[in-house]
Amino acid sequence: MGLSRLLYELQQIDLELQKGQEALDKFERQLGETEILIRVKTDLALAQNYLAEVETKQRDAEWEVEDLETKIGELKTKLYSGKIKNPKELLNLEHEVEALKKQLKEKEDRLLDLMGEVEVVRDRIRINSEKLKEVQEKWQKEQEILAQKRNETKEKLTQLAQKREMSAAQIDSSTLQLYEQVRLKKGQAVAKVEQGRCQGCRITLPVGGWQQVRVGMLVMCDNCGRILHLD
């Protein structure tokens, strides 16, 4: 088998290796939590944190309402006990009770608002939890598929690397060095010749160069510098 054929076959292996490595890199990037999963988790965590804050405010409001109700009850007991005879003192007590009732109404209204807000946030958490479960189930299935593809690609790359080693062993070191140098510069080191043209740069080859390629000599394109190969 001619050198150009060996180099061309080596190049085909290298192209498969490159393609496989790109696929592996893509799978590696896709493995792990996706943007939508992170976003749904974040939304749920934020809602849960907010619920804790609102529930704390609700408990504080409940205690304030209970405290005011206790104070009003104590004042009413004092007011109607008959023990206080002074009209001015009785009037002051009545004013204090009315003031506390006004505060109580405001606190109760605030408490109702907080209770309503708690229910809204709990509904939001329920919806987010259901969405997270759905997203996680879909994500898990995708991860299993990606992991399988990654493992298959790794196995294929291992086989290709072994195949490349066997292929490279048939080529002398100086030719291999030339191949790697051209490959580093051009991306692809070997270009096929079709209808007398180098397929790397589309330039028509001189008749002499074409004839050398036909008889199996190692020839490089004068224009692009690639190693020429003719099937």
C-alpha atoms as a PDB file:
ATOM      1  CA  MET A   1       0.000   0.000   0.000  1.00  0.00           C
ATOM      2  CA  GLY A   2       1.360   3.422  -0.988  1.00  0.00           C
ATOM      3  CA  LEU A   3       2.348   6.018   1.590  1.00  0.00           C
ATOM      4  CA  SER A   4      -0.306   8.472   0.448  1.00  0.00           C
ATOM      5  CA  ARG A   5      -2.973   5.810   0.978  1.00  0.00           C
ATOM      6  CA  LEU A   6      -1.661   5.074   4.473  1.00  0.00           C
ATOM      7  CA  LEU A   7      -1.608   8.783   5.291  1.00  0.00           C
ATOM      8  CA  TYR A   8      -5.091   9.281   3.873  1.00  0.00           C
ATOM      9  CA  GLU A   9      -6.453   6.419   5.996  1.00  0.00           C
ATOM     10  CA  LEU A  10      -4.660   7.843   9.036  1.00  0.00           C
ATOM     11  CA  GLN A  11      -6.297  11.174   8.327  1.00  0.00           C
ATOM     12  CA  GLN A  12      -9.742   9.561   8.173  1.00  0.00           C
ATOM     13  CA  ILE A  13      -9.108   8.079  11.616  1.00  0.00           C
ATOM     14  CA  ASP A  14      -7.959  11.462  12.917  1.00  0.00           C
ATOM     15  CA  LEU A  15     -11.103  13.108  11.548  1.00  0.00           C
ATOM     16  CA  GLU A  16     -13.239  10.484  13.306  1.00  0.00           C
ATOM     17  CA  LEU A  17     -11.289  11.090  16.510  1.00  0.00           C
ATOM     18  CA  GLN A  18     -11.820  14.825  16.221  1.00  0.00           C
ATOM     19  CA  LYS A  19     -15.524  14.396  15.557  1.00  0.00           C
ATOM     20  CA  GLY A  20     -15.849  11.953  18.441  1.00  0.00           C
ATOM     21  CA  GLN A  21     -13.995  14.257  20.833  1.00  0.00           C
ATOM     22  CA  GLU A  22     -16.249  17.163  19.870  1.00  0.00           C
ATOM     23  CA  ALA A  23     -19.295  14.965  20.545  1.00  0.00           C
ATOM     24  CA  LEU A  24     -17.832  13.873  23.882  1.00  0.00           C
ATOM     25  CA  ASP A  25     -17.164  17.487  24.873  1.00  0.00           C
ATOM     26  CA  LYS A  26     -20.762  18.342  23.987  1.00  0.00           C
ATOM     27  CA  PHE A  27     -22.119  15.490  26.113  1.00  0.00           C
ATOM     28  CA  GLU A  28     -19.905  16.527  29.029  1.00  0.00           C
ATOM     29  CA  ARG A  29     -21.244  20.088  28.815  1.00  0.00           C
ATOM     30  CA  GLN A  30     -24.834  18.867  28.724  1.00  0.00           C
ATOM     31  CA  LEU A  31     -24.414  16.577  31.725  1.00  0.00           C
ATOM     32  CA  GLY A  32     -25.335  18.231  35.001  1.00  0.00           C
ATOM     33  CA  GLU A  33     -28.137  20.579  35.939  1.00  0.00           C
ATOM     34  CA  THR A  34     -29.695  22.458  33.048  1.00  0.00           C
ATOM     35  CA  GLU A  35     -30.600  26.136  33.033  1.00  0.00           C
ATOM     36  CA  ILE A  36     -34.341  25.438  33.336  1.00  0.00           C
ATOM     37  CA  LEU A  37     -33.806  23.018  36.248  1.00  0.00           C
ATOM     38  CA  ILE A  38     -31.686  25.575  38.098  1.00  0.00           C
ATOM     39  CA  ARG A  39     -34.270  28.295  37.435  1.00  0.00           C
ATOM     40  CA  VAL A  40     -37.198  26.182  38.723  1.00  0.00           C
ATOM     41  CA  LYS A  41     -35.199  25.193  41.809  1.00  0.00           C
ATOM     42  CA  THR A  42     -34.327  28.829  42.432  1.00  0.00           C
ATOM     43  CA  ASP A  43     -37.946  29.947  42.032  1.00  0.00           C
ATOM     44  CA  LEU A  44     -39.083  27.289  44.500  1.00  0.00           C
ATOM     45  CA  ALA A  45     -36.390  28.193  47.034  1.00  0.00           C
ATOM     46  CA  LEU A  46     -37.243  31.897  46.782  1.00  0.00           C
ATOM     47  CA  ALA A  47     -40.945  31.163  47.283  1.00  0.00           C
ATOM     48  CA  GLN A  48     -40.194  28.945  50.294  1.00  0.00           C
ATOM     49  CA  ASN A  49     -37.990  31.622  51.849  1.00  0.00           C
ATOM     50  CA  TYR A  50     -40.649  34.256  51.235  1.00  0.00           C
ATOM     51  CA  LEU A  51     -43.304  32.006  52.766  1.00  0.00           C
ATOM     52  CA  ALA A  52     -41.204  31.667  55.914  1.00  0.00           C
ATOM     53  CA  GLU A  53     -40.951  35.464  56.140  1.00  0.00           C
ATOM     54  CA  VAL A  54     -44.690  36.007  55.633  1.00  0.00           C
ATOM     55  CA  GLU A  55     -45.589  33.269  58.119  1.00  0.00           C
ATOM     56  CA  THR A  56     -43.334  34.942  60.685  1.00  0.00           C
ATOM     57  CA  LYS A  57     -45.122  38.234  60.084  1.00  0.00           C
ATOM     58  CA  GLN A  58     -48.456  36.428  60.396  1.00  0.00           C
ATOM     59  CA  ARG A  59     -47.508  34.930  63.769  1.00  0.00           C
ATOM     60  CA  ASP A  60     -46.308  38.337  64.985  1.00  0.00           C
ATOM     61  CA  ALA A  61     -49.597  39.880  63.860  1.00  0.00           C
ATOM     62  CA  GLU A  62     -51.583  37.137  65.628  1.00  0.00           C
ATOM     63  CA  TRP A  63     -49.697  37.803  68.855  1.00  0.00           C
ATOM     64  CA  GLU A  64     -50.318  41.543  68.512  1.00  0.00           C
ATOM     65  CA  VAL A  65     -54.044  40.924  67.969  1.00  0.00           C
ATOM     66  CA  GLU A  66     -54.175  38.595  70.978  1.00  0.00           C
ATOM     67  CA  ASP A  67     -52.299  41.134  73.082  1.00  0.00           C
ATOM     68  CA  LEU A  68     -54.691  43.944  72.105  1.00  0.00           C
ATOM     69  CA  GLU A  69     -57.727  41.730  72.728  1.00  0.00           C
ATOM     70  CA  THR A  70     -56.365  40.930  76.188  1.00  0.00           C
ATOM     71  CA  LYS A  71     -55.758  44.591  76.980  1.00  0.00           C
ATOM     72  CA  ILE A  72     -59.212  45.582  75.761  1.00  0.00           C
ATOM     73  CA  GLY A  73     -60.777  42.793  77.817  1.00  0.00           C
ATOM     74  CA  GLU A  74     -58.916  43.913  80.936  1.00  0.00           C
ATOM     75  CA  LEU A  75     -59.942  47.545  80.412  1.00  0.00           C
ATOM     76  CA  LYS A  76     -63.584  46.586  79.847  1.00  0.00           C
ATOM     77  CA  THR A  77     -63.566  44.526  83.019  1.00  0.00           C
ATOM     78  CA  LYS A  78     -62.149  47.464  84.863  1.00  0.00           C
ATOM     79  CA  LEU A  79     -64.598  49.848  83.197  1.00  0.00           C
ATOM     80  CA  TYR A  80     -67.714  47.855  84.055  1.00  0.00           C
ATOM     81  CA  SER A  81     -66.626  46.513  87.409  1.00  0.00           C
ATOM     82  CA  GLY A  82     -68.284  49.408  89.219  1.00  0.00           C
ATOM     83  CA  LYS A  83     -65.154  50.033  91.218  1.00  0.00           C
ATOM     84  CA  ILE A  84     -64.299  53.268  89.388  1.00  0.00           C
ATOM     85  CA  LYS A  85     -66.617  56.100  90.384  1.00  0.00           C
ATOM     86  CA  ASN A  86     -64.760  59.087  88.975  1.00  0.00           C
ATOM     87  CA  PRO A  87     -66.532  60.177  85.730  1.00  0.00           C
ATOM     88  CA  LYS A  88     -63.328  61.602  84.255  1.00  0.00           C
ATOM     89  CA  GLU A  89     -61.458  58.386  84.893  1.00  0.00           C
ATOM     90  CA  LEU A  90     -64.299  56.393  83.363  1.00  0.00           C
ATOM     91  CA  LEU A  91     -64.250  58.647  80.287  1.00  0.00           C
ATOM     92  CA  ASN A  92     -60.526  58.202  79.912  1.00  0.00           C
ATOM     93  CA  LEU A  93     -60.954  54.432  80.111  1.00  0.00           C
ATOM     94  CA  GLU A  94     -63.630  54.546  77.414  1.00  0.00           C
ATOM     95  CA  HIS A  95     -61.330  56.608  75.160  1.00  0.00           C
ATOM     96  CA  GLU A  96     -58.485  54.178  75.765  1.00  0.00           C
ATOM     97  CA  VAL A  97     -60.734  51.224  74.910  1.00  0.00           C
ATOM     98  CA  GLU A  98     -61.867  52.929  71.695  1.00  0.00           C
ATOM     99  CA  ALA A  99     -58.270  53.714  70.738  1.00  0.00           C
ATOM    100  CA  LEU A 100     -57.275  50.113  71.328  1.00  0.00           C
ATOM    101  CA  LYS A 101     -60.267  48.888  69.315  1.00  0.00           C
ATOM    102  CA  LYS A 102     -59.117  51.063  66.430  1.00  0.00           C
ATOM    103  CA  GLN A 103     -55.622  49.577  66.680  1.00  0.00           C
ATOM    104  CA  LEU A 104     -57.149  46.112  66.879  1.00  0.00           C
ATOM    105  CA  LYS A 105     -59.132  46.693  63.688  1.00  0.00           C
ATOM    106  CA  GLU A 106     -55.980  47.782  61.867  1.00  0.00           C
ATOM    107  CA  LYS A 107     -54.070  44.762  63.168  1.00  0.00           C
ATOM    108  CA  GLU A 108     -56.884  42.404  62.201  1.00  0.00           C
ATOM    109  CA  ASP A 109     -57.010  43.863  58.703  1.00  0.00           C
ATOM    110  CA  ARG A 110     -53.241  43.450  58.434  1.00  0.00           C
ATOM    111  CA  LEU A 111     -53.532  39.881  59.719  1.00  0.00           C
ATOM    112  CA  LEU A 112     -56.165  39.048  57.102  1.00  0.00           C
ATOM    113  CA  ASP A 113     -53.894  40.453  54.386  1.00  0.00           C
ATOM    114  CA  LEU A 114     -51.011  38.324  55.628  1.00  0.00           C
ATOM    115  CA  MET A 115     -53.179  35.212  55.792  1.00  0.00           C
ATOM    116  CA  GLY A 116     -54.264  35.815  52.206  1.00  0.00           C
ATOM    117  CA  GLU A 117     -50.666  36.337  51.144  1.00  0.00           C
ATOM    118  CA  VAL A 118     -49.612  33.097  52.847  1.00  0.00           C
ATOM    119  CA  GLU A 119     -52.237  31.186  50.858  1.00  0.00           C
ATOM    120  CA  VAL A 120     -51.087  32.771  47.606  1.00  0.00           C
ATOM    121  CA  VAL A 121     -47.451  31.866  48.296  1.00  0.00           C
ATOM    122  CA  ARG A 122     -48.401  28.320  49.317  1.00  0.00           C
ATOM    123  CA  ASP A 123     -50.225  27.915  46.003  1.00  0.00           C
ATOM    124  CA  ARG A 124     -47.156  29.216  44.197  1.00  0.00           C
ATOM    125  CA  ILE A 125     -44.963  26.719  46.067  1.00  0.00           C
ATOM    126  CA  ARG A 126     -47.347  23.883  45.186  1.00  0.00           C
ATOM    127  CA  ILE A 127     -47.231  24.833  41.498  1.00  0.00           C
ATOM    128  CA  ASN A 128     -43.439  25.236  41.550  1.00  0.00           C
ATOM    129  CA  SER A 129     -43.030  21.905  43.339  1.00  0.00           C
ATOM    130  CA  GLU A 130     -45.118  20.140  40.708  1.00  0.00           C
ATOM    131  CA  LYS A 131     -43.167  21.858  37.942  1.00  0.00           C
ATOM    132  CA  LEU A 132     -39.853  20.934  39.575  1.00  0.00           C
ATOM    133  CA  LYS A 133     -40.918  17.288  39.806  1.00  0.00           C
ATOM    134  CA  GLU A 134     -41.864  17.297  36.127  1.00  0.00           C
ATOM    135  CA  VAL A 135     -38.626  19.013  35.077  1.00  0.00           C
ATOM    136  CA  GLN A 136     -36.512  16.707  37.254  1.00  0.00           C
ATOM    137  CA  GLU A 137     -38.112  13.574  35.794  1.00  0.00           C
ATOM    138  CA  LYS A 138     -37.489  14.795  32.253  1.00  0.00           C
ATOM    139  CA  TRP A 139     -33.968  15.905  33.176  1.00  0.00           C
ATOM    140  CA  GLN A 140     -33.184  12.534  34.757  1.00  0.00           C
ATOM    141  CA  LYS A 141     -34.201  10.669  31.607  1.00  0.00           C
ATOM    142  CA  GLU A 142     -32.128  13.030  29.462  1.00  0.00           C
ATOM    143  CA  GLN A 143     -29.146  12.604  31.774  1.00  0.00           C
ATOM    144  CA  GLU A 144     -29.348   8.827  31.502  1.00  0.00           C
ATOM    145  CA  ILE A 145     -29.386   9.060  27.698  1.00  0.00           C
ATOM    146  CA  LEU A 146     -26.504  11.549  27.680  1.00  0.00           C
ATOM    147  CA  ALA A 147     -24.461   9.409  30.061  1.00  0.00           C
ATOM    148  CA  GLN A 148     -25.003   6.383  27.834  1.00  0.00           C
ATOM    149  CA  LYS A 149     -23.985   8.333  24.722  1.00  0.00           C
ATOM    150  CA  ARG A 150     -20.942   9.697  26.546  1.00  0.00           C
ATOM    151  CA  ASN A 151     -19.837   6.206  27.548  1.00  0.00           C
ATOM    152  CA  GLU A 152     -20.409   4.877  24.033  1.00  0.00           C
ATOM    153  CA  THR A 153     -18.399   7.763  22.591  1.00  0.00           C
ATOM    154  CA  LYS A 154     -15.570   7.161  25.063  1.00  0.00           C
ATOM    155  CA  GLU A 155     -15.470   3.503  24.043  1.00  0.00           C
ATOM    156  CA  LYS A 156     -15.442   4.467  20.367  1.00  0.00           C
ATOM    157  CA  LEU A 157     -12.608   6.939  20.967  1.00  0.00           C
ATOM    158  CA  THR A 158     -10.610   4.236  22.741  1.00  0.00           C
ATOM    159  CA  GLN A 159     -11.080   1.905  19.778  1.00  0.00           C
ATOM    160  CA  LEU A 160     -10.155   4.662  17.321  1.00  0.00           C
ATOM    161  CA  ALA A 161      -7.033   5.503  19.306  1.00  0.00           C
ATOM    162  CA  GLN A 162      -5.960   1.850  19.096  1.00  0.00           C
ATOM    163  CA  LYS A 163      -6.755   1.792  15.386  1.00  0.00           C
ATOM    164  CA  ARG A 164      -4.727   4.972  14.876  1.00  0.00           C
ATOM    165  CA  GLU A 165      -1.770   3.485  16.719  1.00  0.00           C
ATOM    166  CA  MET A 166      -1.845   0.453  14.444  1.00  0.00           C
ATOM    167  CA  SER A 167      -2.208   2.622  11.353  1.00  0.00           C
ATOM    168  CA  ALA A 168       0.615   4.975  12.370  1.00  0.00           C
ATOM    169  CA  ALA A 169       2.894   1.987  13.030  1.00  0.00           C
ATOM    170  CA  GLN A 170       2.896   1.274   9.265  1.00  0.00           C
ATOM    171  CA  ILE A 171       4.358   4.706   8.461  1.00  0.00           C
ATOM    172  CA  ASP A 172       7.966   5.731   8.966  1.00  0.00           C
ATOM    173  CA  SER A 173       8.711   8.422  11.538  1.00  0.00           C
ATOM    174  CA  SER A 174       9.873  11.101   9.088  1.00  0.00           C
ATOM    175  CA  THR A 175       6.690  10.784   7.017  1.00  0.00           C
ATOM    176  CA  LEU A 176       4.590  10.837  10.154  1.00  0.00           C
ATOM    177  CA  GLN A 177       6.385  13.987  11.273  1.00  0.00           C
ATOM    178  CA  LEU A 178       5.665  15.614   7.899  1.00  0.00           C
ATOM    179  CA  TYR A 179       1.997  14.604   8.171  1.00  0.00           C
ATOM    180  CA  GLU A 180       1.672  16.114  11.659  1.00  0.00           C
ATOM    181  CA  GLN A 181       3.387  19.354  10.605  1.00  0.00           C
ATOM    182  CA  VAL A 182       1.061  19.853   7.623  1.00  0.00           C
ATOM    183  CA  ARG A 183      -1.953  18.822   9.692  1.00  0.00           C
ATOM    184  CA  LEU A 184      -1.058  21.404  12.333  1.00  0.00           C
ATOM    185  CA  LYS A 185      -0.914  24.147   9.701  1.00  0.00           C
ATOM    186  CA  LYS A 186      -3.777  23.112   7.433  1.00  0.00           C
ATOM    187  CA  GLY A 187      -6.161  21.152   9.620  1.00  0.00           C
ATOM    188  CA  GLN A 188      -6.130  18.327   7.088  1.00  0.00           C
ATOM    189  CA  ALA A 189      -2.756  17.163   5.841  1.00  0.00           C
ATOM    190  CA  VAL A 190      -3.863  14.967   2.922  1.00  0.00           C
ATOM    191  CA  ALA A 191      -5.872  16.150  -0.081  1.00  0.00           C
ATOM    192  CA  LYS A 192      -7.384  13.874  -2.716  1.00  0.00           C
ATOM    193  CA  VAL A 193      -6.686  14.448  -6.378  1.00  0.00           C
ATOM    194  CA  GLU A 194      -9.758  14.404  -8.618  1.00  0.00           C
ATOM    195  CA  GLN A 195      -9.758  15.214 -12.322  1.00  0.00           C
ATOM    196  CA  GLY A 196      -6.237  16.503 -12.022  1.00  0.00           C
ATOM    197  CA  ARG A 197      -7.077  18.967  -9.249  1.00  0.00           C
ATOM    198  CA  CYS A 198      -6.021  19.163  -5.634  1.00  0.00           C
ATOM    199  CA  GLN A 199      -9.246  19.010  -3.625  1.00  0.00           C
ATOM    200  CA  GLY A 200      -7.617  20.976  -0.827  1.00  0.00           C
ATOM    201  CA  CYS A 201      -7.229  24.176  -2.827  1.00  0.00           C
ATOM    202  CA  ARG A 202      -9.004  23.320  -6.128  1.00  0.00           C
ATOM    203  CA  ILE A 203      -5.904  24.150  -8.155  1.00  0.00           C
ATOM    204  CA  THR A 204      -5.065  22.070 -11.274  1.00  0.00           C
ATOM    205  CA  LEU A 205      -1.839  20.152 -10.773  1.00  0.00           C
ATOM    206  CA  PRO A 206       1.029  20.244 -13.231  1.00  0.00           C
ATOM    207  CA  VAL A 207       1.104  17.165 -15.442  1.00  0.00           C
ATOM    208  CA  GLY A 208       4.388  16.062 -13.947  1.00  0.00           C
ATOM    209  CA  GLY A 209       3.088  16.287 -10.392  1.00  0.00           C
ATOM    210  CA  TRP A 210      -0.051  14.396 -11.259  1.00  0.00           C
ATOM    211  CA  GLN A 211       1.985  11.617 -12.875  1.00  0.00           C
ATOM    212  CA  GLN A 212       4.160  11.325  -9.766  1.00  0.00           C
ATOM    213  CA  VAL A 213       1.048  10.939  -7.616  1.00  0.00           C
ATOM    214  CA  ARG A 214      -0.287   8.263  -9.959  1.00  0.00           C
ATOM    215  CA  VAL A 215       2.826   6.120  -9.632  1.00  0.00           C
ATOM    216  CA  GLY A 216       2.626   6.287  -5.841  1.00  0.00           C
ATOM    217  CA  MET A 217       5.260   8.906  -5.072  1.00  0.00           C
ATOM    218  CA  LEU A 218       4.803  11.162  -2.033  1.00  0.00           C
ATOM    219  CA  VAL A 219       3.954  14.531  -3.571  1.00  0.00           C
ATOM    220  CA  MET A 220       2.876  17.787  -1.988  1.00  0.00           C
ATOM    221  CA  CYS A 221       0.676  20.367  -3.660  1.00  0.00           C
ATOM    222  CA  ASP A 222       2.767  23.334  -4.819  1.00  0.00           C
ATOM    223  CA  ASN A 223      -0.099  25.684  -3.975  1.00  0.00           C
ATOM    224  CA  CYS A 224      -1.486  24.622  -0.577  1.00  0.00           C
ATOM    225  CA  GLY A 225       1.306  22.366   0.667  1.00  0.00           C
ATOM    226  CA  ARG A 226      -0.922  19.367   1.393  1.00  0.00           C
ATOM    227  CA  ILE A 227       0.118  15.772   0.723  1.00  0.00           C
ATOM    228  CA  LEU A 228      -1.640  14.554  -2.409  1.00  0.00           C
ATOM    229  CA  HIS A 229      -3.486  11.249  -2.677  1.00  0.00           C
ATOM    230  CA  LEU A 230      -5.079   9.609  -5.703  1.00  0.00           C
ATOM    231  CA  ASP A 231      -7.462   6.674  -5.296  1.00  0.00           C
END
